[in-house]
């Protein structure tokens, strides 16, 4: 069904595209707590924290064109949490509505046993109903509600932490 969508490990040459896709989401005030664009240089350490075998960073391609990315990040940075990861999915605005987000979540869930991830977390603003609903379709549940912890353009926003036990 999704033969036109492929995933591959991101290389450092993909970082400008990753940053462009990320920066394009900032004005919406829906998906990131950054309020100004980030630079490629500022994301280099974040990029290097990923590894294909432990915490991958995948480029998503649609008909051979980069259209998004998926990141697995360590939770809390302590060894006891190694089986837990935070997932982030960013889709370029021109490619939304093509079920790429759905396919990406399923691909991430399917990869968890190989990555030795037992629990996935997603950190989503409370006003981002489309993302909350998308993750709920895959069995993610609300595990935490942090009220009014972010301020975007003078408006306080909630952060919802969704979780899913994989195995």
C-alpha atoms as a PDB file:
ATOM      1  CA  UNK A   1       0.000   0.000   0.000  1.00  0.00           C
ATOM      2  CA  UNK A   2       2.821   2.420   0.838  1.00  0.00           C
ATOM      3  CA  UNK A   3       5.338   1.371  -1.803  1.00  0.00           C
ATOM      4  CA  UNK A   4       6.094   5.032  -2.529  1.00  0.00           C
ATOM      5  CA  UNK A   5       7.250   5.684   1.079  1.00  0.00           C
ATOM      6  CA  UNK A   6      10.731   4.614   2.150  1.00  0.00           C
ATOM      7  CA  UNK A   7      12.800   5.054   5.287  1.00  0.00           C
ATOM      8  CA  UNK A   8      16.554   5.222   5.579  1.00  0.00           C
ATOM      9  CA  UNK A   9      19.060   6.149   8.246  1.00  0.00           C
ATOM     10  CA  UNK A  10      19.814   9.862   8.115  1.00  0.00           C
ATOM     11  CA  UNK A  11      23.320  11.001   7.274  1.00  0.00           C
ATOM     12  CA  UNK A  12      24.945  14.249   8.276  1.00  0.00           C
ATOM     13  CA  UNK A  13      24.228  15.576   4.770  1.00  0.00           C
ATOM     14  CA  UNK A  14      20.497  15.273   5.618  1.00  0.00           C
ATOM     15  CA  UNK A  15      20.778  17.624   8.580  1.00  0.00           C
ATOM     16  CA  UNK A  16      19.946  20.807   6.610  1.00  0.00           C
ATOM     17  CA  UNK A  17      16.759  19.148   5.312  1.00  0.00           C
ATOM     18  CA  UNK A  18      15.866  17.917   8.804  1.00  0.00           C
ATOM     19  CA  UNK A  19      16.334  21.439  10.176  1.00  0.00           C
ATOM     20  CA  UNK A  20      14.300  22.990   7.340  1.00  0.00           C
ATOM     21  CA  UNK A  21      11.378  20.625   7.982  1.00  0.00           C
ATOM     22  CA  UNK A  22      11.600  21.309  11.717  1.00  0.00           C
ATOM     23  CA  UNK A  23      11.854  25.083  11.322  1.00  0.00           C
ATOM     24  CA  UNK A  24       8.818  25.143   9.050  1.00  0.00           C
ATOM     25  CA  UNK A  25       6.686  23.888  11.962  1.00  0.00           C
ATOM     26  CA  UNK A  26       7.701  26.629  14.404  1.00  0.00           C
ATOM     27  CA  UNK A  27       5.254  29.351  13.225  1.00  0.00           C
ATOM     28  CA  UNK A  28       2.250  27.058  13.752  1.00  0.00           C
ATOM     29  CA  UNK A  29       2.949  26.925  17.516  1.00  0.00           C
ATOM     30  CA  UNK A  30       1.532  23.383  17.429  1.00  0.00           C
ATOM     31  CA  UNK A  31       4.454  20.975  17.538  1.00  0.00           C
ATOM     32  CA  UNK A  32       7.575  22.474  19.079  1.00  0.00           C
ATOM     33  CA  UNK A  33       8.452  24.710  21.993  1.00  0.00           C
ATOM     34  CA  UNK A  34      11.092  26.462  19.915  1.00  0.00           C
ATOM     35  CA  UNK A  35       9.882  29.944  19.053  1.00  0.00           C
ATOM     36  CA  UNK A  36      12.652  30.915  16.609  1.00  0.00           C
ATOM     37  CA  UNK A  37      14.302  28.881  13.843  1.00  0.00           C
ATOM     38  CA  UNK A  38      17.202  26.676  14.872  1.00  0.00           C
ATOM     39  CA  UNK A  39      20.478  26.427  12.969  1.00  0.00           C
ATOM     40  CA  UNK A  40      22.060  23.351  11.471  1.00  0.00           C
ATOM     41  CA  UNK A  41      25.038  23.886  13.762  1.00  0.00           C
ATOM     42  CA  UNK A  42      22.833  23.967  16.858  1.00  0.00           C
ATOM     43  CA  UNK A  43      21.417  20.543  15.935  1.00  0.00           C
ATOM     44  CA  UNK A  44      24.732  18.751  15.339  1.00  0.00           C
ATOM     45  CA  UNK A  45      24.972  17.307  18.867  1.00  0.00           C
ATOM     46  CA  UNK A  46      21.344  16.199  18.704  1.00  0.00           C
ATOM     47  CA  UNK A  47      22.122  14.505  15.397  1.00  0.00           C
ATOM     48  CA  UNK A  48      25.194  12.746  16.819  1.00  0.00           C
ATOM     49  CA  UNK A  49      23.139  11.417  19.749  1.00  0.00           C
ATOM     50  CA  UNK A  50      21.376   9.120  17.261  1.00  0.00           C
ATOM     51  CA  UNK A  51      22.666   5.780  16.047  1.00  0.00           C
ATOM     52  CA  UNK A  52      21.068   3.276  13.664  1.00  0.00           C
ATOM     53  CA  UNK A  53      21.297   0.357  16.106  1.00  0.00           C
ATOM     54  CA  UNK A  54      20.170   2.129  19.311  1.00  0.00           C
ATOM     55  CA  UNK A  55      18.423   5.485  18.692  1.00  0.00           C
ATOM     56  CA  UNK A  56      17.872   5.852  14.955  1.00  0.00           C
ATOM     57  CA  UNK A  57      17.103   8.993  13.032  1.00  0.00           C
ATOM     58  CA  UNK A  58      15.285   8.115   9.834  1.00  0.00           C
ATOM     59  CA  UNK A  59      14.665  10.164   6.746  1.00  0.00           C
ATOM     60  CA  UNK A  60      11.266   9.576   5.205  1.00  0.00           C
ATOM     61  CA  UNK A  61      11.096   9.728   1.423  1.00  0.00           C
ATOM     62  CA  UNK A  62       7.965   9.902  -0.683  1.00  0.00           C
ATOM     63  CA  UNK A  63       8.529   8.970  -4.322  1.00  0.00           C
ATOM     64  CA  UNK A  64      12.248   9.473  -3.686  1.00  0.00           C
ATOM     65  CA  UNK A  65      11.879  12.989  -2.241  1.00  0.00           C
ATOM     66  CA  UNK A  66      12.678  13.790   1.391  1.00  0.00           C
ATOM     67  CA  UNK A  67       9.378  14.545   3.099  1.00  0.00           C
ATOM     68  CA  UNK A  68      10.017  14.071   6.797  1.00  0.00           C
ATOM     69  CA  UNK A  69      11.950  12.403   9.547  1.00  0.00           C
ATOM     70  CA  UNK A  70      11.524  10.165  12.583  1.00  0.00           C
ATOM     71  CA  UNK A  71      13.700  10.434  15.671  1.00  0.00           C
ATOM     72  CA  UNK A  72      14.108   8.047  18.588  1.00  0.00           C
ATOM     73  CA  UNK A  73      15.630   9.816  21.582  1.00  0.00           C
ATOM     74  CA  UNK A  74      16.732   8.436  24.909  1.00  0.00           C
ATOM     75  CA  UNK A  75      14.460   9.228  27.814  1.00  0.00           C
ATOM     76  CA  UNK A  76      16.096  10.921  30.788  1.00  0.00           C
ATOM     77  CA  UNK A  77      19.614   9.787  29.854  1.00  0.00           C
ATOM     78  CA  UNK A  78      20.093   7.140  32.540  1.00  0.00           C
ATOM     79  CA  UNK A  79      20.836   3.454  31.814  1.00  0.00           C
ATOM     80  CA  UNK A  80      17.783   2.175  33.676  1.00  0.00           C
ATOM     81  CA  UNK A  81      15.651   3.902  31.041  1.00  0.00           C
ATOM     82  CA  UNK A  82      17.407   2.367  28.011  1.00  0.00           C
ATOM     83  CA  UNK A  83      14.267   0.414  27.061  1.00  0.00           C
ATOM     84  CA  UNK A  84      12.270   3.654  26.832  1.00  0.00           C
ATOM     85  CA  UNK A  85      12.502   6.139  23.970  1.00  0.00           C
ATOM     86  CA  UNK A  86      10.772   9.324  22.907  1.00  0.00           C
ATOM     87  CA  UNK A  87       9.546   9.350  19.336  1.00  0.00           C
ATOM     88  CA  UNK A  88       9.300  12.509  17.237  1.00  0.00           C
ATOM     89  CA  UNK A  89       7.836  12.631  13.752  1.00  0.00           C
ATOM     90  CA  UNK A  90       7.997  15.694  11.520  1.00  0.00           C
ATOM     91  CA  UNK A  91       6.374  15.735   8.081  1.00  0.00           C
ATOM     92  CA  UNK A  92       6.991  18.496   5.532  1.00  0.00           C
ATOM     93  CA  UNK A  93       3.829  20.551   5.065  1.00  0.00           C
ATOM     94  CA  UNK A  94       3.611  19.635   1.352  1.00  0.00           C
ATOM     95  CA  UNK A  95       3.308  15.945   2.263  1.00  0.00           C
ATOM     96  CA  UNK A  96       0.759  16.022   5.061  1.00  0.00           C
ATOM     97  CA  UNK A  97      -2.532  14.221   4.505  1.00  0.00           C
ATOM     98  CA  UNK A  98      -0.896  11.302   2.681  1.00  0.00           C
ATOM     99  CA  UNK A  99      -0.930   8.987   5.743  1.00  0.00           C
ATOM    100  CA  UNK A 100       2.854   9.291   6.081  1.00  0.00           C
ATOM    101  CA  UNK A 101       2.521   9.994   9.811  1.00  0.00           C
ATOM    102  CA  UNK A 102       0.435   6.855  10.305  1.00  0.00           C
ATOM    103  CA  UNK A 103       2.874   4.745   8.348  1.00  0.00           C
ATOM    104  CA  UNK A 104       5.794   6.252  10.289  1.00  0.00           C
ATOM    105  CA  UNK A 105       4.293   5.419  13.673  1.00  0.00           C
ATOM    106  CA  UNK A 106       3.675   1.832  12.611  1.00  0.00           C
ATOM    107  CA  UNK A 107       7.207   1.557  11.216  1.00  0.00           C
ATOM    108  CA  UNK A 108       8.589   2.858  14.522  1.00  0.00           C
ATOM    109  CA  UNK A 109       6.498   0.440  16.581  1.00  0.00           C
ATOM    110  CA  UNK A 110       7.606  -2.451  14.376  1.00  0.00           C
ATOM    111  CA  UNK A 111      11.275  -1.496  14.869  1.00  0.00           C
ATOM    112  CA  UNK A 112      11.072  -1.398  18.667  1.00  0.00           C
ATOM    113  CA  UNK A 113      11.864  -5.065  19.354  1.00  0.00           C
ATOM    114  CA  UNK A 114      15.007  -4.853  17.195  1.00  0.00           C
ATOM    115  CA  UNK A 115      15.995  -1.637  18.987  1.00  0.00           C
ATOM    116  CA  UNK A 116      15.219  -3.195  22.395  1.00  0.00           C
ATOM    117  CA  UNK A 117      12.651  -0.472  23.095  1.00  0.00           C
ATOM    118  CA  UNK A 118       9.833  -1.652  25.336  1.00  0.00           C
ATOM    119  CA  UNK A 119       8.132   1.705  25.848  1.00  0.00           C
ATOM    120  CA  UNK A 120       7.578   4.606  23.448  1.00  0.00           C
ATOM    121  CA  UNK A 121       6.731   8.104  24.633  1.00  0.00           C
ATOM    122  CA  UNK A 122       5.413  11.061  22.677  1.00  0.00           C
ATOM    123  CA  UNK A 123       5.444  14.624  24.048  1.00  0.00           C
ATOM    124  CA  UNK A 124       2.598  16.581  22.423  1.00  0.00           C
ATOM    125  CA  UNK A 125       1.051  19.961  23.159  1.00  0.00           C
ATOM    126  CA  UNK A 126      -2.477  19.667  24.545  1.00  0.00           C
ATOM    127  CA  UNK A 127      -3.863  21.876  21.768  1.00  0.00           C
ATOM    128  CA  UNK A 128      -2.378  19.660  19.029  1.00  0.00           C
ATOM    129  CA  UNK A 129      -5.499  17.540  18.604  1.00  0.00           C
ATOM    130  CA  UNK A 130      -4.478  16.031  15.234  1.00  0.00           C
ATOM    131  CA  UNK A 131      -1.284  14.551  16.712  1.00  0.00           C
ATOM    132  CA  UNK A 132      -3.011  13.407  19.905  1.00  0.00           C
ATOM    133  CA  UNK A 133      -5.653  11.625  17.835  1.00  0.00           C
ATOM    134  CA  UNK A 134      -3.075  10.107  15.494  1.00  0.00           C
ATOM    135  CA  UNK A 135      -1.074   8.549  18.325  1.00  0.00           C
ATOM    136  CA  UNK A 136      -4.265   7.394  20.090  1.00  0.00           C
ATOM    137  CA  UNK A 137      -5.162   5.377  16.979  1.00  0.00           C
ATOM    138  CA  UNK A 138      -2.014   3.353  17.625  1.00  0.00           C
ATOM    139  CA  UNK A 139      -2.845   2.655  21.253  1.00  0.00           C
ATOM    140  CA  UNK A 140      -0.860   5.452  22.881  1.00  0.00           C
ATOM    141  CA  UNK A 141      -2.477   6.566  26.121  1.00  0.00           C
ATOM    142  CA  UNK A 142      -2.180   9.739  28.146  1.00  0.00           C
ATOM    143  CA  UNK A 143       0.334   9.044  30.896  1.00  0.00           C
ATOM    144  CA  UNK A 144       0.881  12.624  32.041  1.00  0.00           C
ATOM    145  CA  UNK A 145      -0.713  16.046  31.737  1.00  0.00           C
ATOM    146  CA  UNK A 146       1.525  18.985  32.534  1.00  0.00           C
ATOM    147  CA  UNK A 147      -0.743  22.044  32.590  1.00  0.00           C
ATOM    148  CA  UNK A 148       0.420  25.466  31.408  1.00  0.00           C
ATOM    149  CA  UNK A 149       4.134  24.627  31.296  1.00  0.00           C
ATOM    150  CA  UNK A 150       4.875  26.244  27.938  1.00  0.00           C
ATOM    151  CA  UNK A 151       4.192  29.788  26.853  1.00  0.00           C
ATOM    152  CA  UNK A 152       3.802  30.484  23.161  1.00  0.00           C
ATOM    153  CA  UNK A 153       3.059  34.035  22.082  1.00  0.00           C
ATOM    154  CA  UNK A 154       1.710  34.866  25.532  1.00  0.00           C
ATOM    155  CA  UNK A 155      -0.570  31.816  25.680  1.00  0.00           C
ATOM    156  CA  UNK A 156       0.147  29.121  28.247  1.00  0.00           C
ATOM    157  CA  UNK A 157       0.010  25.614  26.787  1.00  0.00           C
ATOM    158  CA  UNK A 158      -0.270  22.142  28.273  1.00  0.00           C
ATOM    159  CA  UNK A 159       2.088  19.295  27.493  1.00  0.00           C
ATOM    160  CA  UNK A 160       0.646  15.814  27.211  1.00  0.00           C
ATOM    161  CA  UNK A 161       2.905  12.802  27.531  1.00  0.00           C
ATOM    162  CA  UNK A 162       1.554   9.800  25.689  1.00  0.00           C
ATOM    163  CA  UNK A 163       2.950   6.332  26.224  1.00  0.00           C
ATOM    164  CA  UNK A 164       2.684   2.912  24.696  1.00  0.00           C
ATOM    165  CA  UNK A 165       4.092  -0.317  26.042  1.00  0.00           C
ATOM    166  CA  UNK A 166       5.405  -2.250  23.020  1.00  0.00           C
ATOM    167  CA  UNK A 167       6.362  -5.597  24.571  1.00  0.00           C
END
